């Protein structure tokens, strides 16, 4: 059983793009679980919580999640980056590369 950290770009000026990225992560995470592996899908977990923030500037949300992500990444065997548009320009993904 592989332990996989699923990463994906998140922030975008268009809220529809953010939601589409959330849904794409959920689809891939479901496939990973169905294959018998363990997955931590950061966007799947954080998106609903991000919607509940009342005082956090959306442009700062990545800084808030960085230490949480680091904690989970330490216990994973693999990092899979969902290659949706923008993955190669995502500051969060750039900082998570080895």
PDB file of N, CA and C in Angstrom:
ATOM      1  N   UNK A   1       0.847  -1.172   0.000  1.00  0.00           N
ATOM      2  CA  UNK A   1       0.000   0.000   0.000  1.00  0.00           C
ATOM      3  C   UNK A   1       0.899   1.244   0.000  1.00  0.00           C
ATOM      4  N   UNK A   2       0.726   2.086  -1.009  1.00  0.00           N
ATOM      5  CA  UNK A   2       1.503   3.319  -1.125  1.00  0.00           C
ATOM      6  C   UNK A   2       0.786   4.448  -0.395  1.00  0.00           C
ATOM      7  N   UNK A   3       1.572   5.319   0.233  1.00  0.00           N
ATOM      8  CA  UNK A   3       1.035   6.517   0.880  1.00  0.00           C
ATOM      9  C   UNK A   3       1.371   7.698  -0.025  1.00  0.00           C
ATOM     10  N   UNK A   4       0.331   8.331  -0.558  1.00  0.00           N
ATOM     11  CA  UNK A   4       0.507   9.328  -1.605  1.00  0.00           C
ATOM     12  C   UNK A   4      -0.018  10.687  -1.161  1.00  0.00           C
ATOM     13  N   UNK A   5       0.802  11.703  -1.345  1.00  0.00           N
ATOM     14  CA  UNK A   5       0.390  13.099  -1.169  1.00  0.00           C
ATOM     15  C   UNK A   5      -0.012  13.590  -2.557  1.00  0.00           C
ATOM     16  N   UNK A   6      -1.274  13.942  -2.728  1.00  0.00           N
ATOM     17  CA  UNK A   6      -1.781  14.442  -4.003  1.00  0.00           C
ATOM     18  C   UNK A   6      -1.777  15.962  -3.957  1.00  0.00           C
ATOM     19  N   UNK A   7      -1.003  16.566  -4.861  1.00  0.00           N
ATOM     20  CA  UNK A   7      -0.899  18.023  -4.918  1.00  0.00           C
ATOM     21  C   UNK A   7      -1.498  18.538  -6.219  1.00  0.00           C
ATOM     22  N   UNK A   8      -1.959  19.767  -6.161  1.00  0.00           N
ATOM     23  CA  UNK A   8      -2.596  20.388  -7.311  1.00  0.00           C
ATOM     24  C   UNK A   8      -2.543  21.895  -7.115  1.00  0.00           C
ATOM     25  N   UNK A   9      -2.396  22.676  -8.204  1.00  0.00           N
ATOM     26  CA  UNK A   9      -2.503  24.124  -8.015  1.00  0.00           C
ATOM     27  C   UNK A   9      -3.898  24.434  -7.498  1.00  0.00           C
ATOM     28  N   UNK A  10      -4.014  25.470  -6.697  1.00  0.00           N
ATOM     29  CA  UNK A  10      -5.309  25.786  -6.090  1.00  0.00           C
ATOM     30  C   UNK A  10      -5.785  27.195  -6.424  1.00  0.00           C
ATOM     31  N   UNK A  11      -5.034  28.185  -6.032  1.00  0.00           N
ATOM     32  CA  UNK A  11      -5.477  29.570  -6.157  1.00  0.00           C
ATOM     33  C   UNK A  11      -5.630  29.992  -7.616  1.00  0.00           C
ATOM     34  N   UNK A  12      -6.648  30.806  -7.851  1.00  0.00           N
ATOM     35  CA  UNK A  12      -6.895  31.355  -9.183  1.00  0.00           C
ATOM     36  C   UNK A  12      -7.874  32.513  -9.022  1.00  0.00           C
ATOM     37  N   UNK A  13      -7.788  33.490  -9.897  1.00  0.00           N
ATOM     38  CA  UNK A  13      -8.688  34.650  -9.833  1.00  0.00           C
ATOM     39  C   UNK A  13     -10.140  34.255 -10.095  1.00  0.00           C
ATOM     40  N   UNK A  14     -10.349  33.208 -10.855  1.00  0.00           N
ATOM     41  CA  UNK A  14     -11.690  32.746 -11.207  1.00  0.00           C
ATOM     42  C   UNK A  14     -12.105  31.635 -10.232  1.00  0.00           C
ATOM     43  N   UNK A  15     -13.140  31.875  -9.457  1.00  0.00           N
ATOM     44  CA  UNK A  15     -13.604  30.888  -8.465  1.00  0.00           C
ATOM     45  C   UNK A  15     -14.036  29.579  -9.111  1.00  0.00           C
ATOM     46  N   UNK A  16     -14.490  29.631 -10.355  1.00  0.00           N
ATOM     47  CA  UNK A  16     -14.876  28.399 -11.056  1.00  0.00           C
ATOM     48  C   UNK A  16     -13.662  27.505 -11.278  1.00  0.00           C
ATOM     49  N   UNK A  17     -12.517  28.107 -11.592  1.00  0.00           N
ATOM     50  CA  UNK A  17     -11.287  27.337 -11.790  1.00  0.00           C
ATOM     51  C   UNK A  17     -10.881  26.669 -10.480  1.00  0.00           C
ATOM     52  N   UNK A  18     -10.980  27.403  -9.378  1.00  0.00           N
ATOM     53  CA  UNK A  18     -10.656  26.836  -8.061  1.00  0.00           C
ATOM     54  C   UNK A  18     -11.557  25.630  -7.791  1.00  0.00           C
ATOM     55  N   UNK A  19     -12.844  25.776  -8.044  1.00  0.00           N
ATOM     56  CA  UNK A  19     -13.783  24.678  -7.791  1.00  0.00           C
ATOM     57  C   UNK A  19     -13.494  23.494  -8.721  1.00  0.00           C
ATOM     58  N   UNK A  20     -13.170  23.762  -9.973  1.00  0.00           N
ATOM     59  CA  UNK A  20     -12.837  22.679 -10.907  1.00  0.00           C
ATOM     60  C   UNK A  20     -11.588  21.927 -10.449  1.00  0.00           C
ATOM     61  N   UNK A  21     -10.622  22.645  -9.912  1.00  0.00           N
ATOM     62  CA  UNK A  21      -9.413  21.995  -9.395  1.00  0.00           C
ATOM     63  C   UNK A  21      -9.753  21.115  -8.202  1.00  0.00           C
ATOM     64  N   UNK A  22     -10.622  21.601  -7.335  1.00  0.00           N
ATOM     65  CA  UNK A  22     -11.102  20.825  -6.188  1.00  0.00           C
ATOM     66  C   UNK A  22     -11.757  19.525  -6.660  1.00  0.00           C
ATOM     67  N   UNK A  23     -12.647  19.633  -7.636  1.00  0.00           N
ATOM     68  CA  UNK A  23     -13.327  18.439  -8.142  1.00  0.00           C
ATOM     69  C   UNK A  23     -12.346  17.469  -8.806  1.00  0.00           C
ATOM     70  N   UNK A  24     -11.374  17.996  -9.546  1.00  0.00           N
ATOM     71  CA  UNK A  24     -10.381  17.138 -10.194  1.00  0.00           C
ATOM     72  C   UNK A  24      -9.569  16.372  -9.154  1.00  0.00           C
ATOM     73  N   UNK A  25      -9.192  17.048  -8.073  1.00  0.00           N
ATOM     74  CA  UNK A  25      -8.449  16.374  -6.996  1.00  0.00           C
ATOM     75  C   UNK A  25      -9.285  15.265  -6.372  1.00  0.00           C
ATOM     76  N   UNK A  26     -10.553  15.529  -6.166  1.00  0.00           N
ATOM     77  CA  UNK A  26     -11.425  14.518  -5.576  1.00  0.00           C
ATOM     78  C   UNK A  26     -11.509  13.281  -6.466  1.00  0.00           C
ATOM     79  N   UNK A  27     -11.607  13.494  -7.783  1.00  0.00           N
ATOM     80  CA  UNK A  27     -11.674  12.370  -8.725  1.00  0.00           C
ATOM     81  C   UNK A  27     -10.409  11.508  -8.642  1.00  0.00           C
ATOM     82  N   UNK A  28      -9.256  12.156  -8.667  1.00  0.00           N
ATOM     83  CA  UNK A  28      -7.993  11.413  -8.624  1.00  0.00           C
ATOM     84  C   UNK A  28      -7.819  10.749  -7.262  1.00  0.00           C
ATOM     85  N   UNK A  29      -8.163  11.445  -6.190  1.00  0.00           N
ATOM     86  CA  UNK A  29      -8.048  10.858  -4.850  1.00  0.00           C
ATOM     87  C   UNK A  29      -8.926   9.613  -4.732  1.00  0.00           C
ATOM     88  N   UNK A  30     -10.124   9.676  -5.284  1.00  0.00           N
ATOM     89  CA  UNK A  30     -11.011   8.514  -5.248  1.00  0.00           C
ATOM     90  C   UNK A  30     -10.398   7.336  -5.997  1.00  0.00           C
ATOM     91  N   UNK A  31      -9.789   7.610  -7.129  1.00  0.00           N
ATOM     92  CA  UNK A  31      -9.138   6.554  -7.910  1.00  0.00           C
ATOM     93  C   UNK A  31      -7.985   5.928  -7.135  1.00  0.00           C
ATOM     94  N   UNK A  32      -7.224   6.772  -6.450  1.00  0.00           N
ATOM     95  CA  UNK A  32      -6.101   6.264  -5.652  1.00  0.00           C
ATOM     96  C   UNK A  32      -6.606   5.356  -4.532  1.00  0.00           C
ATOM     97  N   UNK A  33      -7.645   5.763  -3.848  1.00  0.00           N
ATOM     98  CA  UNK A  33      -8.212   4.950  -2.768  1.00  0.00           C
ATOM     99  C   UNK A  33      -8.783   3.645  -3.323  1.00  0.00           C
ATOM    100  N   UNK A  34      -9.484   3.749  -4.449  1.00  0.00           N
ATOM    101  CA  UNK A  34     -10.051   2.540  -5.065  1.00  0.00           C
ATOM    102  C   UNK A  34      -8.967   1.548  -5.481  1.00  0.00           C
ATOM    103  N   UNK A  35      -7.768   2.048  -5.752  1.00  0.00           N
ATOM    104  CA  UNK A  35      -6.671   1.161  -6.150  1.00  0.00           C
ATOM    105  C   UNK A  35      -5.994   0.508  -4.941  1.00  0.00           C
ATOM    106  N   UNK A  36      -6.471   0.827  -3.735  1.00  0.00           N
ATOM    107  CA  UNK A  36      -5.945   0.190  -2.533  1.00  0.00           C
ATOM    108  C   UNK A  36      -4.817   0.945  -1.864  1.00  0.00           C
ATOM    109  N   UNK A  37      -4.639   2.206  -2.245  1.00  0.00           N
ATOM    110  CA  UNK A  37      -3.575   3.011  -1.666  1.00  0.00           C
ATOM    111  C   UNK A  37      -4.150   4.089  -0.755  1.00  0.00           C
ATOM    112  N   UNK A  38      -3.265   4.709   0.011  1.00  0.00           N
ATOM    113  CA  UNK A  38      -3.628   5.776   0.935  1.00  0.00           C
ATOM    114  C   UNK A  38      -3.331   7.106   0.246  1.00  0.00           C
ATOM    115  N   UNK A  39      -4.211   8.080   0.409  1.00  0.00           N
ATOM    116  CA  UNK A  39      -3.986   9.380  -0.215  1.00  0.00           C
ATOM    117  C   UNK A  39      -4.305  10.499   0.765  1.00  0.00           C
ATOM    118  N   UNK A  40      -3.482  11.522   0.730  1.00  0.00           N
ATOM    119  CA  UNK A  40      -3.811  12.790   1.368  1.00  0.00           C
ATOM    120  C   UNK A  40      -3.923  13.786   0.231  1.00  0.00           C
ATOM    121  N   UNK A  41      -5.138  14.233  -0.026  1.00  0.00           N
ATOM    122  CA  UNK A  41      -5.403  15.200  -1.086  1.00  0.00           C
ATOM    123  C   UNK A  41      -5.575  16.563  -0.435  1.00  0.00           C
ATOM    124  N   UNK A  42      -4.527  17.359  -0.496  1.00  0.00           N
ATOM    125  CA  UNK A  42      -4.493  18.637   0.213  1.00  0.00           C
ATOM    126  C   UNK A  42      -5.634  19.554  -0.230  1.00  0.00           C
ATOM    127  N   UNK A  43      -5.878  19.645  -1.516  1.00  0.00           N
ATOM    128  CA  UNK A  43      -6.945  20.530  -2.005  1.00  0.00           C
ATOM    129  C   UNK A  43      -8.309  19.999  -1.578  1.00  0.00           C
ATOM    130  N   UNK A  44      -8.492  18.669  -1.607  1.00  0.00           N
ATOM    131  CA  UNK A  44      -9.768  18.090  -1.166  1.00  0.00           C
ATOM    132  C   UNK A  44     -10.070  18.439   0.279  1.00  0.00           C
ATOM    133  N   UNK A  45      -9.032  18.439   1.114  1.00  0.00           N
ATOM    134  CA  UNK A  45      -9.235  18.759   2.525  1.00  0.00           C
ATOM    135  C   UNK A  45      -9.359  20.252   2.769  1.00  0.00           C
ATOM    136  N   UNK A  46      -8.504  21.034   2.138  1.00  0.00           N
ATOM    137  CA  UNK A  46      -8.438  22.452   2.491  1.00  0.00           C
ATOM    138  C   UNK A  46      -9.526  23.306   1.853  1.00  0.00           C
ATOM    139  N   UNK A  47     -10.014  22.947   0.681  1.00  0.00           N
ATOM    140  CA  UNK A  47     -10.987  23.798  -0.011  1.00  0.00           C
ATOM    141  C   UNK A  47     -12.228  24.085   0.837  1.00  0.00           C
ATOM    142  N   UNK A  48     -12.883  23.072   1.406  1.00  0.00           N
ATOM    143  CA  UNK A  48     -14.057  23.379   2.240  1.00  0.00           C
ATOM    144  C   UNK A  48     -13.707  24.239   3.458  1.00  0.00           C
ATOM    145  N   UNK A  49     -12.532  24.023   4.013  1.00  0.00           N
ATOM    146  CA  UNK A  49     -12.105  24.830   5.158  1.00  0.00           C
ATOM    147  C   UNK A  49     -11.823  26.260   4.718  1.00  0.00           C
ATOM    148  N   UNK A  50     -11.198  26.419   3.562  1.00  0.00           N
ATOM    149  CA  UNK A  50     -10.929  27.764   3.044  1.00  0.00           C
ATOM    150  C   UNK A  50     -12.213  28.571   2.888  1.00  0.00           C
ATOM    151  N   UNK A  51     -13.291  27.919   2.494  1.00  0.00           N
ATOM    152  CA  UNK A  51     -14.568  28.608   2.324  1.00  0.00           C
ATOM    153  C   UNK A  51     -15.121  29.112   3.655  1.00  0.00           C
ATOM    154  N   UNK A  52     -14.681  28.514   4.754  1.00  0.00           N
ATOM    155  CA  UNK A  52     -15.167  28.904   6.078  1.00  0.00           C
ATOM    156  C   UNK A  52     -14.352  30.025   6.714  1.00  0.00           C
ATOM    157  N   UNK A  53     -13.159  30.313   6.179  1.00  0.00           N
ATOM    158  CA  UNK A  53     -12.347  31.387   6.745  1.00  0.00           C
ATOM    159  C   UNK A  53     -13.071  32.719   6.600  1.00  0.00           C
ATOM    160  N   UNK A  54     -13.086  33.480   7.666  1.00  0.00           N
ATOM    161  CA  UNK A  54     -13.758  34.779   7.654  1.00  0.00           C
ATOM    162  C   UNK A  54     -12.765  35.934   7.559  1.00  0.00           C
ATOM    163  N   UNK A  55     -11.544  35.740   8.076  1.00  0.00           N
ATOM    164  CA  UNK A  55     -10.603  36.859   8.168  1.00  0.00           C
ATOM    165  C   UNK A  55      -9.315  36.640   7.375  1.00  0.00           C
ATOM    166  N   UNK A  56      -9.177  35.494   6.714  1.00  0.00           N
ATOM    167  CA  UNK A  56      -7.953  35.199   5.973  1.00  0.00           C
ATOM    168  C   UNK A  56      -8.088  35.744   4.553  1.00  0.00           C
ATOM    169  N   UNK A  57      -7.104  36.526   4.135  1.00  0.00           N
ATOM    170  CA  UNK A  57      -7.049  37.016   2.756  1.00  0.00           C
ATOM    171  C   UNK A  57      -6.775  35.812   1.858  1.00  0.00           C
ATOM    172  N   UNK A  58      -7.597  35.592   0.827  1.00  0.00           N
ATOM    173  CA  UNK A  58      -7.391  34.430  -0.046  1.00  0.00           C
ATOM    174  C   UNK A  58      -5.981  34.331  -0.633  1.00  0.00           C
ATOM    175  N   UNK A  59      -5.319  35.450  -0.827  1.00  0.00           N
ATOM    176  CA  UNK A  59      -3.963  35.402  -1.374  1.00  0.00           C
ATOM    177  C   UNK A  59      -2.946  34.905  -0.346  1.00  0.00           C
ATOM    178  N   UNK A  60      -3.345  34.831   0.912  1.00  0.00           N
ATOM    179  CA  UNK A  60      -2.450  34.387   1.990  1.00  0.00           C
ATOM    180  C   UNK A  60      -2.715  32.959   2.452  1.00  0.00           C
ATOM    181  N   UNK A  61      -3.730  32.332   1.890  1.00  0.00           N
ATOM    182  CA  UNK A  61      -4.143  31.016   2.384  1.00  0.00           C
ATOM    183  C   UNK A  61      -3.046  29.960   2.210  1.00  0.00           C
ATOM    184  N   UNK A  62      -2.240  30.070   1.157  1.00  0.00           N
ATOM    185  CA  UNK A  62      -1.162  29.108   0.946  1.00  0.00           C
ATOM    186  C   UNK A  62      -0.145  29.119   2.067  1.00  0.00           C
ATOM    187  N   UNK A  63       0.145  30.302   2.581  1.00  0.00           N
ATOM    188  CA  UNK A  63       1.095  30.415   3.694  1.00  0.00           C
ATOM    189  C   UNK A  63       0.541  29.741   4.945  1.00  0.00           C
ATOM    190  N   UNK A  64      -0.755  29.816   5.113  1.00  0.00           N
ATOM    191  CA  UNK A  64      -1.394  29.208   6.274  1.00  0.00           C
ATOM    192  C   UNK A  64      -1.288  27.681   6.219  1.00  0.00           C
ATOM    193  N   UNK A  65      -1.452  27.117   5.021  1.00  0.00           N
ATOM    194  CA  UNK A  65      -1.457  25.668   4.864  1.00  0.00           C
ATOM    195  C   UNK A  65      -0.061  25.061   4.737  1.00  0.00           C
ATOM    196  N   UNK A  66       0.964  25.851   4.425  1.00  0.00           N
ATOM    197  CA  UNK A  66       2.308  25.308   4.178  1.00  0.00           C
ATOM    198  C   UNK A  66       2.815  24.407   5.303  1.00  0.00           C
ATOM    199  N   UNK A  67       2.712  24.802   6.580  1.00  0.00           N
ATOM    200  CA  UNK A  67       3.211  23.898   7.637  1.00  0.00           C
ATOM    201  C   UNK A  67       2.372  22.627   7.780  1.00  0.00           C
ATOM    202  N   UNK A  68       1.092  22.721   7.489  1.00  0.00           N
ATOM    203  CA  UNK A  68       0.225  21.541   7.535  1.00  0.00           C
ATOM    204  C   UNK A  68       0.653  20.569   6.438  1.00  0.00           C
ATOM    205  N   UNK A  69       0.842  21.113   5.233  1.00  0.00           N
ATOM    206  CA  UNK A  69       1.279  20.285   4.110  1.00  0.00           C
ATOM    207  C   UNK A  69       2.604  19.605   4.409  1.00  0.00           C
ATOM    208  N   UNK A  70       3.542  20.361   4.954  1.00  0.00           N
ATOM    209  CA  UNK A  70       4.871  19.813   5.265  1.00  0.00           C
ATOM    210  C   UNK A  70       4.758  18.637   6.227  1.00  0.00           C
ATOM    211  N   UNK A  71       3.886  18.764   7.205  1.00  0.00           N
ATOM    212  CA  UNK A  71       3.698  17.686   8.184  1.00  0.00           C
ATOM    213  C   UNK A  71       3.215  16.411   7.483  1.00  0.00           C
ATOM    214  N   UNK A  72       2.217  16.540   6.628  1.00  0.00           N
ATOM    215  CA  UNK A  72       1.693  15.364   5.935  1.00  0.00           C
ATOM    216  C   UNK A  72       2.702  14.809   4.929  1.00  0.00           C
ATOM    217  N   UNK A  73       3.416  15.683   4.235  1.00  0.00           N
ATOM    218  CA  UNK A  73       4.386  15.222   3.235  1.00  0.00           C
ATOM    219  C   UNK A  73       5.472  14.353   3.865  1.00  0.00           C
ATOM    220  N   UNK A  74       5.855  14.660   5.095  1.00  0.00           N
ATOM    221  CA  UNK A  74       6.893  13.885   5.776  1.00  0.00           C
ATOM    222  C   UNK A  74       6.511  12.421   5.947  1.00  0.00           C
ATOM    223  N   UNK A  75       5.222  12.152   6.058  1.00  0.00           N
ATOM    224  CA  UNK A  75       4.799  10.777   6.309  1.00  0.00           C
ATOM    225  C   UNK A  75       4.369  10.037   5.037  1.00  0.00           C
ATOM    226  N   UNK A  76       4.485  10.665   3.893  1.00  0.00           N
ATOM    227  CA  UNK A  76       4.073  10.042   2.636  1.00  0.00           C
ATOM    228  C   UNK A  76       5.252   9.396   1.922  1.00  0.00           C
ATOM    229  N   UNK A  77       4.951   8.416   1.086  1.00  0.00           N
ATOM    230  CA  UNK A  77       5.962   7.745   0.281  1.00  0.00           C
ATOM    231  C   UNK A  77       6.156   8.429  -1.068  1.00  0.00           C
ATOM    232  N   UNK A  78       5.092   9.034  -1.567  1.00  0.00           N
ATOM    233  CA  UNK A  78       5.121   9.596  -2.917  1.00  0.00           C
ATOM    234  C   UNK A  78       4.413  10.941  -2.962  1.00  0.00           C
ATOM    235  N   UNK A  79       4.802  11.727  -3.953  1.00  0.00           N
ATOM    236  CA  UNK A  79       4.131  12.980  -4.270  1.00  0.00           C
ATOM    237  C   UNK A  79       3.634  12.872  -5.701  1.00  0.00           C
ATOM    238  N   UNK A  80       2.348  13.018  -5.889  1.00  0.00           N
ATOM    239  CA  UNK A  80       1.768  13.064  -7.227  1.00  0.00           C
ATOM    240  C   UNK A  80       1.230  14.471  -7.422  1.00  0.00           C
ATOM    241  N   UNK A  81       1.640  15.086  -8.523  1.00  0.00           N
ATOM    242  CA  UNK A  81       1.164  16.438  -8.857  1.00  0.00           C
ATOM    243  C   UNK A  81       0.172  16.306  -9.994  1.00  0.00           C
ATOM    244  N   UNK A  82      -1.035  16.757  -9.746  1.00  0.00           N
ATOM    245  CA  UNK A  82      -2.077  16.743 -10.766  1.00  0.00           C
ATOM    246  C   UNK A  82      -1.733  17.801 -11.803  1.00  0.00           C
ATOM    247  N   UNK A  83      -1.558  17.390 -13.041  1.00  0.00           N
ATOM    248  CA  UNK A  83      -1.051  18.304 -14.061  1.00  0.00           C
ATOM    249  C   UNK A  83      -2.155  19.086 -14.774  1.00  0.00           C
ATOM    250  N   UNK A  84      -2.983  19.752 -13.982  1.00  0.00           N
ATOM    251  CA  UNK A  84      -3.968  20.666 -14.553  1.00  0.00           C
ATOM    252  C   UNK A  84      -3.255  21.960 -14.946  1.00  0.00           C
ATOM    253  N   UNK A  85      -3.924  22.761 -15.753  1.00  0.00           N
ATOM    254  CA  UNK A  85      -3.331  24.016 -16.202  1.00  0.00           C
ATOM    255  C   UNK A  85      -2.851  24.831 -15.009  1.00  0.00           C
ATOM    256  N   UNK A  86      -1.618  25.273 -15.079  1.00  0.00           N
ATOM    257  CA  UNK A  86      -1.044  26.083 -14.021  1.00  0.00           C
ATOM    258  C   UNK A  86      -0.173  25.325 -13.042  1.00  0.00           C
ATOM    259  N   UNK A  87      -0.103  24.001 -13.175  1.00  0.00           N
ATOM    260  CA  UNK A  87       0.674  23.230 -12.198  1.00  0.00           C
ATOM    261  C   UNK A  87       2.126  23.667 -12.174  1.00  0.00           C
ATOM    262  N   UNK A  88       2.665  24.042 -13.344  1.00  0.00           N
ATOM    263  CA  UNK A  88       4.080  24.392 -13.433  1.00  0.00           C
ATOM    264  C   UNK A  88       4.375  25.824 -12.996  1.00  0.00           C
ATOM    265  N   UNK A  89       3.315  26.585 -12.691  1.00  0.00           N
ATOM    266  CA  UNK A  89       3.493  27.964 -12.233  1.00  0.00           C
ATOM    267  C   UNK A  89       3.015  28.165 -10.794  1.00  0.00           C
ATOM    268  N   UNK A  90       2.572  27.101 -10.169  1.00  0.00           N
ATOM    269  CA  UNK A  90       2.025  27.177  -8.816  1.00  0.00           C
ATOM    270  C   UNK A  90       3.140  27.362  -7.799  1.00  0.00           C
ATOM    271  N   UNK A  91       3.061  28.437  -7.012  1.00  0.00           N
ATOM    272  CA  UNK A  91       4.094  28.670  -5.994  1.00  0.00           C
ATOM    273  C   UNK A  91       4.086  27.573  -4.936  1.00  0.00           C
ATOM    274  N   UNK A  92       2.930  27.074  -4.578  1.00  0.00           N
ATOM    275  CA  UNK A  92       2.857  25.994  -3.600  1.00  0.00           C
ATOM    276  C   UNK A  92       3.497  24.717  -4.100  1.00  0.00           C
ATOM    277  N   UNK A  93       3.293  24.409  -5.367  1.00  0.00           N
ATOM    278  CA  UNK A  93       3.898  23.197  -5.927  1.00  0.00           C
ATOM    279  C   UNK A  93       5.385  23.380  -6.145  1.00  0.00           C
ATOM    280  N   UNK A  94       5.795  24.550  -6.535  1.00  0.00           N
ATOM    281  CA  UNK A  94       7.217  24.813  -6.723  1.00  0.00           C
ATOM    282  C   UNK A  94       7.970  24.616  -5.421  1.00  0.00           C
ATOM    283  N   UNK A  95       7.396  25.071  -4.320  1.00  0.00           N
ATOM    284  CA  UNK A  95       8.079  24.938  -3.035  1.00  0.00           C
ATOM    285  C   UNK A  95       8.044  23.511  -2.497  1.00  0.00           C
ATOM    286  N   UNK A  96       7.173  22.642  -3.045  1.00  0.00           N
ATOM    287  CA  UNK A  96       7.099  21.267  -2.537  1.00  0.00           C
ATOM    288  C   UNK A  96       7.969  20.308  -3.332  1.00  0.00           C
ATOM    289  N   UNK A  97       8.585  20.771  -4.399  1.00  0.00           N
ATOM    290  CA  UNK A  97       9.443  19.883  -5.180  1.00  0.00           C
ATOM    291  C   UNK A  97      10.736  19.607  -4.459  1.00  0.00           C
ATOM    292  N   UNK A  98      11.229  18.361  -4.547  1.00  0.00           N
ATOM    293  CA  UNK A  98      12.484  18.012  -3.872  1.00  0.00           C
ATOM    294  C   UNK A  98      13.676  18.717  -4.489  1.00  0.00           C
TER     295      UNK A  98
END
